[in-house]
């Protein structure tokens, strides 16, 4: 199956950017990898309080199906990380690599 990639841009609540990055790296990344996703990179834009990252999937089933399984997993629930506590806006789009 072809690799599907999303570009995700999150605007983080004032003063919580560093905390979000730490929790994302410690909790989200390991579980995403366990579910077969690949993290292409992550960046912060401090001026806009934004966190930008790419996530890809090339396994069995669709990106959407695997993403739903990730969100429904008991491990995701147990991590106790609710994005609503950190995010004030998000822009999520599928992108295609050209270079």
PDB file of N, CA and C in Angstrom:
ATOM      1  N   UNK A   1       0.848  -1.182   0.000  1.00  0.00           N
ATOM      2  CA  UNK A   1       0.000   0.000   0.000  1.00  0.00           C
ATOM      3  C   UNK A   1       0.894   1.245   0.000  1.00  0.00           C
ATOM      4  N   UNK A   2       0.448   2.284  -0.661  1.00  0.00           N
ATOM      5  CA  UNK A   2       1.198   3.532  -0.727  1.00  0.00           C
ATOM      6  C   UNK A   2       1.177   4.242   0.622  1.00  0.00           C
ATOM      7  N   UNK A   3       2.240   4.944   0.894  1.00  0.00           N
ATOM      8  CA  UNK A   3       2.319   5.697   2.145  1.00  0.00           C
ATOM      9  C   UNK A   3       1.393   6.906   2.066  1.00  0.00           C
ATOM     10  N   UNK A   4       0.599   7.071   3.097  1.00  0.00           N
ATOM     11  CA  UNK A   4      -0.311   8.207   3.226  1.00  0.00           C
ATOM     12  C   UNK A   4       0.249   9.100   4.328  1.00  0.00           C
ATOM     13  N   UNK A   5       0.334  10.399   4.051  1.00  0.00           N
ATOM     14  CA  UNK A   5       0.915  11.326   5.019  1.00  0.00           C
ATOM     15  C   UNK A   5      -0.044  12.466   5.330  1.00  0.00           C
ATOM     16  N   UNK A   6      -0.115  12.787   6.601  1.00  0.00           N
ATOM     17  CA  UNK A   6      -0.862  13.969   7.041  1.00  0.00           C
ATOM     18  C   UNK A   6       0.115  15.001   7.582  1.00  0.00           C
ATOM     19  N   UNK A   7      -0.162  16.246   7.267  1.00  0.00           N
ATOM     20  CA  UNK A   7       0.522  17.383   7.862  1.00  0.00           C
ATOM     21  C   UNK A   7      -0.444  17.958   8.878  1.00  0.00           C
ATOM     22  N   UNK A   8       0.002  18.022  10.127  1.00  0.00           N
ATOM     23  CA  UNK A   8      -0.859  18.497  11.207  1.00  0.00           C
ATOM     24  C   UNK A   8      -0.248  19.746  11.838  1.00  0.00           C
ATOM     25  N   UNK A   9      -1.039  20.793  11.909  1.00  0.00           N
ATOM     26  CA  UNK A   9      -0.617  22.032  12.551  1.00  0.00           C
ATOM     27  C   UNK A   9      -1.587  22.318  13.680  1.00  0.00           C
ATOM     28  N   UNK A  10      -1.052  22.346  14.891  1.00  0.00           N
ATOM     29  CA  UNK A  10      -1.858  22.608  16.077  1.00  0.00           C
ATOM     30  C   UNK A  10      -1.471  23.943  16.671  1.00  0.00           C
ATOM     31  N   UNK A  11      -2.451  24.764  16.981  1.00  0.00           N
ATOM     32  CA  UNK A  11      -2.209  25.976  17.745  1.00  0.00           C
ATOM     33  C   UNK A  11      -2.470  25.623  19.205  1.00  0.00           C
ATOM     34  N   UNK A  12      -1.456  25.846  20.030  1.00  0.00           N
ATOM     35  CA  UNK A  12      -1.465  25.411  21.423  1.00  0.00           C
ATOM     36  C   UNK A  12      -1.826  26.586  22.331  1.00  0.00           C
ATOM     37  N   UNK A  13      -2.542  26.289  23.394  1.00  0.00           N
ATOM     38  CA  UNK A  13      -2.904  27.316  24.370  1.00  0.00           C
ATOM     39  C   UNK A  13      -1.656  28.035  24.877  1.00  0.00           C
ATOM     40  N   UNK A  14      -1.815  29.303  25.107  1.00  0.00           N
ATOM     41  CA  UNK A  14      -0.725  30.153  25.608  1.00  0.00           C
ATOM     42  C   UNK A  14      -0.058  29.521  26.825  1.00  0.00           C
ATOM     43  N   UNK A  15       1.253  29.422  26.774  1.00  0.00           N
ATOM     44  CA  UNK A  15       2.035  28.922  27.895  1.00  0.00           C
ATOM     45  C   UNK A  15       2.130  27.409  28.015  1.00  0.00           C
ATOM     46  N   UNK A  16       1.488  26.659  27.108  1.00  0.00           N
ATOM     47  CA  UNK A  16       1.480  25.205  27.220  1.00  0.00           C
ATOM     48  C   UNK A  16       2.259  24.498  26.108  1.00  0.00           C
ATOM     49  N   UNK A  17       2.939  25.247  25.253  1.00  0.00           N
ATOM     50  CA  UNK A  17       3.622  24.636  24.113  1.00  0.00           C
ATOM     51  C   UNK A  17       4.679  23.621  24.546  1.00  0.00           C
ATOM     52  N   UNK A  18       5.547  23.990  25.464  1.00  0.00           N
ATOM     53  CA  UNK A  18       6.602  23.071  25.887  1.00  0.00           C
ATOM     54  C   UNK A  18       6.032  21.831  26.579  1.00  0.00           C
ATOM     55  N   UNK A  19       5.015  22.030  27.395  1.00  0.00           N
ATOM     56  CA  UNK A  19       4.375  20.892  28.058  1.00  0.00           C
ATOM     57  C   UNK A  19       3.750  19.958  27.022  1.00  0.00           C
ATOM     58  N   UNK A  20       3.063  20.546  26.025  1.00  0.00           N
ATOM     59  CA  UNK A  20       2.477  19.731  24.963  1.00  0.00           C
ATOM     60  C   UNK A  20       3.550  18.923  24.252  1.00  0.00           C
ATOM     61  N   UNK A  21       4.647  19.541  23.870  1.00  0.00           N
ATOM     62  CA  UNK A  21       5.718  18.846  23.150  1.00  0.00           C
ATOM     63  C   UNK A  21       6.254  17.681  23.977  1.00  0.00           C
ATOM     64  N   UNK A  22       6.489  17.908  25.258  1.00  0.00           N
ATOM     65  CA  UNK A  22       7.000  16.843  26.122  1.00  0.00           C
ATOM     66  C   UNK A  22       6.019  15.680  26.225  1.00  0.00           C
ATOM     67  N   UNK A  23       4.769  15.984  26.438  1.00  0.00           N
ATOM     68  CA  UNK A  23       3.764  14.918  26.586  1.00  0.00           C
ATOM     69  C   UNK A  23       3.541  14.187  25.266  1.00  0.00           C
ATOM     70  N   UNK A  24       3.548  14.918  24.167  1.00  0.00           N
ATOM     71  CA  UNK A  24       3.404  14.305  22.847  1.00  0.00           C
ATOM     72  C   UNK A  24       4.557  13.333  22.598  1.00  0.00           C
ATOM     73  N   UNK A  25       5.782  13.786  22.862  1.00  0.00           N
ATOM     74  CA  UNK A  25       6.959  12.939  22.630  1.00  0.00           C
ATOM     75  C   UNK A  25       6.970  11.711  23.537  1.00  0.00           C
ATOM     76  N   UNK A  26       6.582  11.886  24.789  1.00  0.00           N
ATOM     77  CA  UNK A  26       6.628  10.787  25.759  1.00  0.00           C
ATOM     78  C   UNK A  26       5.464   9.804  25.620  1.00  0.00           C
ATOM     79  N   UNK A  27       4.293  10.303  25.238  1.00  0.00           N
ATOM     80  CA  UNK A  27       3.091   9.468  25.241  1.00  0.00           C
ATOM     81  C   UNK A  27       2.571   9.124  23.848  1.00  0.00           C
ATOM     82  N   UNK A  28       2.404  10.123  23.009  1.00  0.00           N
ATOM     83  CA  UNK A  28       1.782   9.920  21.702  1.00  0.00           C
ATOM     84  C   UNK A  28       2.709   9.174  20.750  1.00  0.00           C
ATOM     85  N   UNK A  29       3.946   9.637  20.638  1.00  0.00           N
ATOM     86  CA  UNK A  29       4.856   9.041  19.655  1.00  0.00           C
ATOM     87  C   UNK A  29       5.029   7.538  19.855  1.00  0.00           C
ATOM     88  N   UNK A  30       5.354   7.053  21.059  1.00  0.00           N
ATOM     89  CA  UNK A  30       5.537   5.598  21.196  1.00  0.00           C
ATOM     90  C   UNK A  30       4.301   4.781  20.803  1.00  0.00           C
ATOM     91  N   UNK A  31       3.124   5.267  21.153  1.00  0.00           N
ATOM     92  CA  UNK A  31       1.915   4.523  20.814  1.00  0.00           C
ATOM     93  C   UNK A  31       1.620   4.601  19.318  1.00  0.00           C
ATOM     94  N   UNK A  32       1.840   5.756  18.719  1.00  0.00           N
ATOM     95  CA  UNK A  32       1.661   5.871  17.264  1.00  0.00           C
ATOM     96  C   UNK A  32       2.580   4.883  16.544  1.00  0.00           C
ATOM     97  N   UNK A  33       3.831   4.796  16.982  1.00  0.00           N
ATOM     98  CA  UNK A  33       4.773   3.857  16.369  1.00  0.00           C
ATOM     99  C   UNK A  33       4.304   2.422  16.569  1.00  0.00           C
ATOM    100  N   UNK A  34       3.796   2.129  17.741  1.00  0.00           N
ATOM    101  CA  UNK A  34       3.273   0.789  18.028  1.00  0.00           C
ATOM    102  C   UNK A  34       2.134   0.426  17.080  1.00  0.00           C
ATOM    103  N   UNK A  35       1.365   1.410  16.659  1.00  0.00           N
ATOM    104  CA  UNK A  35       0.259   1.179  15.747  1.00  0.00           C
ATOM    105  C   UNK A  35       0.669   1.234  14.281  1.00  0.00           C
ATOM    106  N   UNK A  36       1.970   1.316  14.027  1.00  0.00           N
ATOM    107  CA  UNK A  36       2.471   1.246  12.662  1.00  0.00           C
ATOM    108  C   UNK A  36       2.599   2.567  11.938  1.00  0.00           C
ATOM    109  N   UNK A  37       2.395   3.666  12.646  1.00  0.00           N
ATOM    110  CA  UNK A  37       2.566   4.979  12.027  1.00  0.00           C
ATOM    111  C   UNK A  37       4.045   5.359  12.013  1.00  0.00           C
ATOM    112  N   UNK A  38       4.385   6.256  11.151  1.00  0.00           N
ATOM    113  CA  UNK A  38       5.735   6.814  11.076  1.00  0.00           C
ATOM    114  C   UNK A  38       5.620   8.319  11.312  1.00  0.00           C
ATOM    115  N   UNK A  39       6.472   8.837  12.170  1.00  0.00           N
ATOM    116  CA  UNK A  39       6.510  10.280  12.415  1.00  0.00           C
ATOM    117  C   UNK A  39       7.634  10.848  11.552  1.00  0.00           C
ATOM    118  N   UNK A  40       7.281  11.712  10.612  1.00  0.00           N
ATOM    119  CA  UNK A  40       8.260  12.258   9.676  1.00  0.00           C
ATOM    120  C   UNK A  40       9.065  13.407  10.243  1.00  0.00           C
ATOM    121  N   UNK A  41       8.566  14.010  11.285  1.00  0.00           N
ATOM    122  CA  UNK A  41       9.245  15.136  11.909  1.00  0.00           C
ATOM    123  C   UNK A  41       8.248  15.978  12.677  1.00  0.00           C
ATOM    124  N   UNK A  42       8.790  16.821  13.541  1.00  0.00           N
ATOM    125  CA  UNK A  42       7.944  17.726  14.328  1.00  0.00           C
ATOM    126  C   UNK A  42       8.693  19.032  14.520  1.00  0.00           C
ATOM    127  N   UNK A  43       7.970  20.125  14.471  1.00  0.00           N
ATOM    128  CA  UNK A  43       8.537  21.464  14.576  1.00  0.00           C
ATOM    129  C   UNK A  43       7.654  22.326  15.455  1.00  0.00           C
ATOM    130  N   UNK A  44       8.250  23.351  16.058  1.00  0.00           N
ATOM    131  CA  UNK A  44       7.459  24.332  16.791  1.00  0.00           C
ATOM    132  C   UNK A  44       7.680  25.713  16.196  1.00  0.00           C
ATOM    133  N   UNK A  45       6.639  26.499  16.224  1.00  0.00           N
ATOM    134  CA  UNK A  45       6.666  27.900  15.830  1.00  0.00           C
ATOM    135  C   UNK A  45       6.251  28.674  17.079  1.00  0.00           C
ATOM    136  N   UNK A  46       7.245  29.094  17.846  1.00  0.00           N
ATOM    137  CA  UNK A  46       6.960  29.757  19.127  1.00  0.00           C
ATOM    138  C   UNK A  46       6.189  31.059  18.938  1.00  0.00           C
ATOM    139  N   UNK A  47       6.485  31.792  17.880  1.00  0.00           N
ATOM    140  CA  UNK A  47       5.808  33.069  17.646  1.00  0.00           C
ATOM    141  C   UNK A  47       4.295  32.891  17.534  1.00  0.00           C
ATOM    142  N   UNK A  48       3.856  31.793  16.940  1.00  0.00           N
ATOM    143  CA  UNK A  48       2.430  31.526  16.754  1.00  0.00           C
ATOM    144  C   UNK A  48       1.886  30.490  17.742  1.00  0.00           C
ATOM    145  N   UNK A  49       2.745  30.000  18.644  1.00  0.00           N
ATOM    146  CA  UNK A  49       2.393  28.941  19.585  1.00  0.00           C
ATOM    147  C   UNK A  49       1.814  27.737  18.833  1.00  0.00           C
ATOM    148  N   UNK A  50       2.554  27.327  17.789  1.00  0.00           N
ATOM    149  CA  UNK A  50       2.101  26.213  16.972  1.00  0.00           C
ATOM    150  C   UNK A  50       3.073  25.044  17.028  1.00  0.00           C
ATOM    151  N   UNK A  51       2.486  23.872  16.922  1.00  0.00           N
ATOM    152  CA  UNK A  51       3.203  22.613  16.853  1.00  0.00           C
ATOM    153  C   UNK A  51       2.829  21.984  15.519  1.00  0.00           C
ATOM    154  N   UNK A  52       3.832  21.671  14.701  1.00  0.00           N
ATOM    155  CA  UNK A  52       3.610  21.137  13.362  1.00  0.00           C
ATOM    156  C   UNK A  52       4.303  19.789  13.268  1.00  0.00           C
ATOM    157  N   UNK A  53       3.604  18.793  12.731  1.00  0.00           N
ATOM    158  CA  UNK A  53       4.226  17.478  12.578  1.00  0.00           C
ATOM    159  C   UNK A  53       3.618  16.729  11.410  1.00  0.00           C
ATOM    160  N   UNK A  54       4.353  15.725  10.943  1.00  0.00           N
ATOM    161  CA  UNK A  54       3.833  14.858   9.901  1.00  0.00           C
ATOM    162  C   UNK A  54       3.742  13.446  10.439  1.00  0.00           C
ATOM    163  N   UNK A  55       2.699  12.763  10.022  1.00  0.00           N
ATOM    164  CA  UNK A  55       2.466  11.376  10.409  1.00  0.00           C
ATOM    165  C   UNK A  55       2.058  10.612   9.159  1.00  0.00           C
ATOM    166  N   UNK A  56       2.654   9.435   8.978  1.00  0.00           N
ATOM    167  CA  UNK A  56       2.388   8.620   7.792  1.00  0.00           C
ATOM    168  C   UNK A  56       1.984   7.214   8.188  1.00  0.00           C
ATOM    169  N   UNK A  57       1.311   6.557   7.240  1.00  0.00           N
ATOM    170  CA  UNK A  57       0.928   5.164   7.438  1.00  0.00           C
ATOM    171  C   UNK A  57       0.955   4.465   6.089  1.00  0.00           C
ATOM    172  N   UNK A  58       1.542   3.267   6.067  1.00  0.00           N
ATOM    173  CA  UNK A  58       1.635   2.497   4.826  1.00  0.00           C
ATOM    174  C   UNK A  58       1.283   1.032   5.054  1.00  0.00           C
ATOM    175  N   UNK A  59       0.596   0.725   6.128  1.00  0.00           N
ATOM    176  CA  UNK A  59       0.285  -0.663   6.453  1.00  0.00           C
ATOM    177  C   UNK A  59      -1.040  -1.129   5.881  1.00  0.00           C
ATOM    178  N   UNK A  60      -1.497  -2.250   6.430  1.00  0.00           N
ATOM    179  CA  UNK A  60      -2.777  -2.822   6.014  1.00  0.00           C
ATOM    180  C   UNK A  60      -3.926  -1.915   6.435  1.00  0.00           C
ATOM    181  N   UNK A  61      -4.929  -1.852   5.610  1.00  0.00           N
ATOM    182  CA  UNK A  61      -6.060  -0.980   5.899  1.00  0.00           C
ATOM    183  C   UNK A  61      -5.738   0.464   5.572  1.00  0.00           C
ATOM    184  N   UNK A  62      -6.692   1.316   5.810  1.00  0.00           N
ATOM    185  CA  UNK A  62      -6.515   2.732   5.484  1.00  0.00           C
ATOM    186  C   UNK A  62      -5.942   3.506   6.667  1.00  0.00           C
ATOM    187  N   UNK A  63      -5.452   4.680   6.363  1.00  0.00           N
ATOM    188  CA  UNK A  63      -4.972   5.590   7.398  1.00  0.00           C
ATOM    189  C   UNK A  63      -6.087   5.838   8.407  1.00  0.00           C
ATOM    190  N   UNK A  64      -7.282   6.091   7.903  1.00  0.00           N
ATOM    191  CA  UNK A  64      -8.415   6.405   8.762  1.00  0.00           C
ATOM    192  C   UNK A  64      -8.764   5.239   9.681  1.00  0.00           C
ATOM    193  N   UNK A  65      -8.738   4.016   9.148  1.00  0.00           N
ATOM    194  CA  UNK A  65      -9.042   2.846   9.968  1.00  0.00           C
ATOM    195  C   UNK A  65      -8.010   2.662  11.074  1.00  0.00           C
ATOM    196  N   UNK A  66      -6.739   2.831  10.712  1.00  0.00           N
ATOM    197  CA  UNK A  66      -5.685   2.647  11.712  1.00  0.00           C
ATOM    198  C   UNK A  66      -5.726   3.763  12.745  1.00  0.00           C
ATOM    199  N   UNK A  67      -6.055   4.973  12.307  1.00  0.00           N
ATOM    200  CA  UNK A  67      -6.169   6.096  13.229  1.00  0.00           C
ATOM    201  C   UNK A  67      -7.322   5.869  14.213  1.00  0.00           C
ATOM    202  N   UNK A  68      -8.434   5.347  13.711  1.00  0.00           N
ATOM    203  CA  UNK A  68      -9.574   5.041  14.588  1.00  0.00           C
ATOM    204  C   UNK A  68      -9.192   3.969  15.612  1.00  0.00           C
ATOM    205  N   UNK A  69      -8.422   2.972  15.191  1.00  0.00           N
ATOM    206  CA  UNK A  69      -7.976   1.922  16.115  1.00  0.00           C
ATOM    207  C   UNK A  69      -7.065   2.505  17.190  1.00  0.00           C
ATOM    208  N   UNK A  70      -6.203   3.422  16.807  1.00  0.00           N
ATOM    209  CA  UNK A  70      -5.321   4.104  17.767  1.00  0.00           C
ATOM    210  C   UNK A  70      -6.168   4.823  18.825  1.00  0.00           C
ATOM    211  N   UNK A  71      -7.138   5.614  18.379  1.00  0.00           N
ATOM    212  CA  UNK A  71      -7.965   6.387  19.316  1.00  0.00           C
ATOM    213  C   UNK A  71      -8.844   5.504  20.186  1.00  0.00           C
ATOM    214  N   UNK A  72      -9.226   4.337  19.690  1.00  0.00           N
ATOM    215  CA  UNK A  72     -10.088   3.430  20.449  1.00  0.00           C
ATOM    216  C   UNK A  72      -9.310   2.509  21.389  1.00  0.00           C
ATOM    217  N   UNK A  73      -8.002   2.527  21.303  1.00  0.00           N
ATOM    218  CA  UNK A  73      -7.206   1.586  22.091  1.00  0.00           C
ATOM    219  C   UNK A  73      -7.222   1.935  23.583  1.00  0.00           C
ATOM    220  N   UNK A  74      -7.220   0.927  24.426  1.00  0.00           N
ATOM    221  CA  UNK A  74      -7.147   1.167  25.874  1.00  0.00           C
ATOM    222  C   UNK A  74      -5.871   1.920  26.274  1.00  0.00           C
ATOM    223  N   UNK A  75      -4.786   1.689  25.560  1.00  0.00           N
ATOM    224  CA  UNK A  75      -3.544   2.407  25.872  1.00  0.00           C
ATOM    225  C   UNK A  75      -3.696   3.901  25.614  1.00  0.00           C
ATOM    226  N   UNK A  76      -4.444   4.273  24.581  1.00  0.00           N
ATOM    227  CA  UNK A  76      -4.656   5.694  24.289  1.00  0.00           C
ATOM    228  C   UNK A  76      -5.500   6.312  25.395  1.00  0.00           C
ATOM    229  N   UNK A  77      -6.522   5.615  25.814  1.00  0.00           N
ATOM    230  CA  UNK A  77      -7.369   6.097  26.899  1.00  0.00           C
ATOM    231  C   UNK A  77      -6.563   6.251  28.182  1.00  0.00           C
ATOM    232  N   UNK A  78      -5.728   5.263  28.472  1.00  0.00           N
ATOM    233  CA  UNK A  78      -4.951   5.251  29.716  1.00  0.00           C
ATOM    234  C   UNK A  78      -3.910   6.354  29.792  1.00  0.00           C
ATOM    235  N   UNK A  79      -3.494   6.896  28.661  1.00  0.00           N
ATOM    236  CA  UNK A  79      -2.450   7.934  28.718  1.00  0.00           C
ATOM    237  C   UNK A  79      -2.960   9.225  29.349  1.00  0.00           C
ATOM    238  N   UNK A  80      -4.272   9.418  29.390  1.00  0.00           N
ATOM    239  CA  UNK A  80      -4.822  10.582  30.079  1.00  0.00           C
ATOM    240  C   UNK A  80      -4.443  11.912  29.456  1.00  0.00           C
ATOM    241  N   UNK A  81      -4.268  11.932  28.170  1.00  0.00           N
ATOM    242  CA  UNK A  81      -3.904  13.158  27.457  1.00  0.00           C
ATOM    243  C   UNK A  81      -5.060  13.536  26.541  1.00  0.00           C
ATOM    244  N   UNK A  82      -5.761  14.595  26.901  1.00  0.00           N
ATOM    245  CA  UNK A  82      -6.875  15.078  26.096  1.00  0.00           C
ATOM    246  C   UNK A  82      -6.405  16.289  25.296  1.00  0.00           C
ATOM    247  N   UNK A  83      -6.342  16.161  23.970  1.00  0.00           N
ATOM    248  CA  UNK A  83      -5.886  17.293  23.160  1.00  0.00           C
ATOM    249  C   UNK A  83      -6.664  18.578  23.416  1.00  0.00           C
ATOM    250  N   UNK A  84      -7.919  18.464  23.817  1.00  0.00           N
ATOM    251  CA  UNK A  84      -8.726  19.664  24.075  1.00  0.00           C
ATOM    252  C   UNK A  84      -8.149  20.523  25.197  1.00  0.00           C
ATOM    253  N   UNK A  85      -7.349  19.912  26.067  1.00  0.00           N
ATOM    254  CA  UNK A  85      -6.713  20.669  27.142  1.00  0.00           C
ATOM    255  C   UNK A  85      -5.572  21.551  26.634  1.00  0.00           C
ATOM    256  N   UNK A  86      -5.086  21.278  25.445  1.00  0.00           N
ATOM    257  CA  UNK A  86      -3.924  21.971  24.898  1.00  0.00           C
ATOM    258  C   UNK A  86      -4.199  22.729  23.602  1.00  0.00           C
ATOM    259  N   UNK A  87      -5.027  22.178  22.736  1.00  0.00           N
ATOM    260  CA  UNK A  87      -5.216  22.738  21.407  1.00  0.00           C
ATOM    261  C   UNK A  87      -6.356  23.746  21.369  1.00  0.00           C
ATOM    262  N   UNK A  88      -6.097  24.877  20.726  1.00  0.00           N
ATOM    263  CA  UNK A  88      -7.163  25.848  20.491  1.00  0.00           C
ATOM    264  C   UNK A  88      -7.602  25.817  19.034  1.00  0.00           C
ATOM    265  N   UNK A  89      -6.744  25.280  18.159  1.00  0.00           N
ATOM    266  CA  UNK A  89      -7.086  25.127  16.741  1.00  0.00           C
ATOM    267  C   UNK A  89      -6.194  24.045  16.155  1.00  0.00           C
ATOM    268  N   UNK A  90      -6.689  23.436  15.100  1.00  0.00           N
ATOM    269  CA  UNK A  90      -5.873  22.453  14.392  1.00  0.00           C
ATOM    270  C   UNK A  90      -6.226  22.454  12.919  1.00  0.00           C
ATOM    271  N   UNK A  91      -5.205  22.225  12.124  1.00  0.00           N
ATOM    272  CA  UNK A  91      -5.357  22.101  10.683  1.00  0.00           C
ATOM    273  C   UNK A  91      -4.719  20.778  10.302  1.00  0.00           C
ATOM    274  N   UNK A  92      -5.513  19.873   9.773  1.00  0.00           N
ATOM    275  CA  UNK A  92      -5.036  18.535   9.408  1.00  0.00           C
ATOM    276  C   UNK A  92      -5.359  18.324   7.942  1.00  0.00           C
ATOM    277  N   UNK A  93      -4.320  17.985   7.174  1.00  0.00           N
ATOM    278  CA  UNK A  93      -4.532  17.752   5.746  1.00  0.00           C
ATOM    279  C   UNK A  93      -3.641  16.638   5.247  1.00  0.00           C
ATOM    280  N   UNK A  94      -4.126  15.909   4.271  1.00  0.00           N
ATOM    281  CA  UNK A  94      -3.306  14.901   3.612  1.00  0.00           C
ATOM    282  C   UNK A  94      -2.423  15.605   2.594  1.00  0.00           C
ATOM    283  N   UNK A  95      -1.171  15.209   2.540  1.00  0.00           N
ATOM    284  CA  UNK A  95      -0.211  15.804   1.620  1.00  0.00           C
ATOM    285  C   UNK A  95       0.500  14.700   0.838  1.00  0.00           C
ATOM    286  N   UNK A  96       1.051  15.079  -0.311  1.00  0.00           N
ATOM    287  CA  UNK A  96       1.806  14.151  -1.149  1.00  0.00           C
ATOM    288  C   UNK A  96       3.209  14.691  -1.347  1.00  0.00           C
ATOM    289  N   UNK A  97       4.187  13.829  -1.211  1.00  0.00           N
ATOM    290  CA  UNK A  97       5.593  14.210  -1.372  1.00  0.00           C
ATOM    291  C   UNK A  97       5.903  14.405  -2.852  1.00  0.00           C
ATOM    292  N   UNK A  98       6.600  15.480  -3.183  1.00  0.00           N
ATOM    293  CA  UNK A  98       6.997  15.735  -4.569  1.00  0.00           C
ATOM    294  C   UNK A  98       8.512  15.749  -4.743  1.00  0.00           C
ATOM    295  N   UNK A  99       9.247  15.816  -3.666  1.00  0.00           N
ATOM    296  CA  UNK A  99      10.709  15.832  -3.755  1.00  0.00           C
ATOM    297  C   UNK A  99      11.313  14.999  -2.659  1.00  0.00           C
TER     298      UNK A  99
END
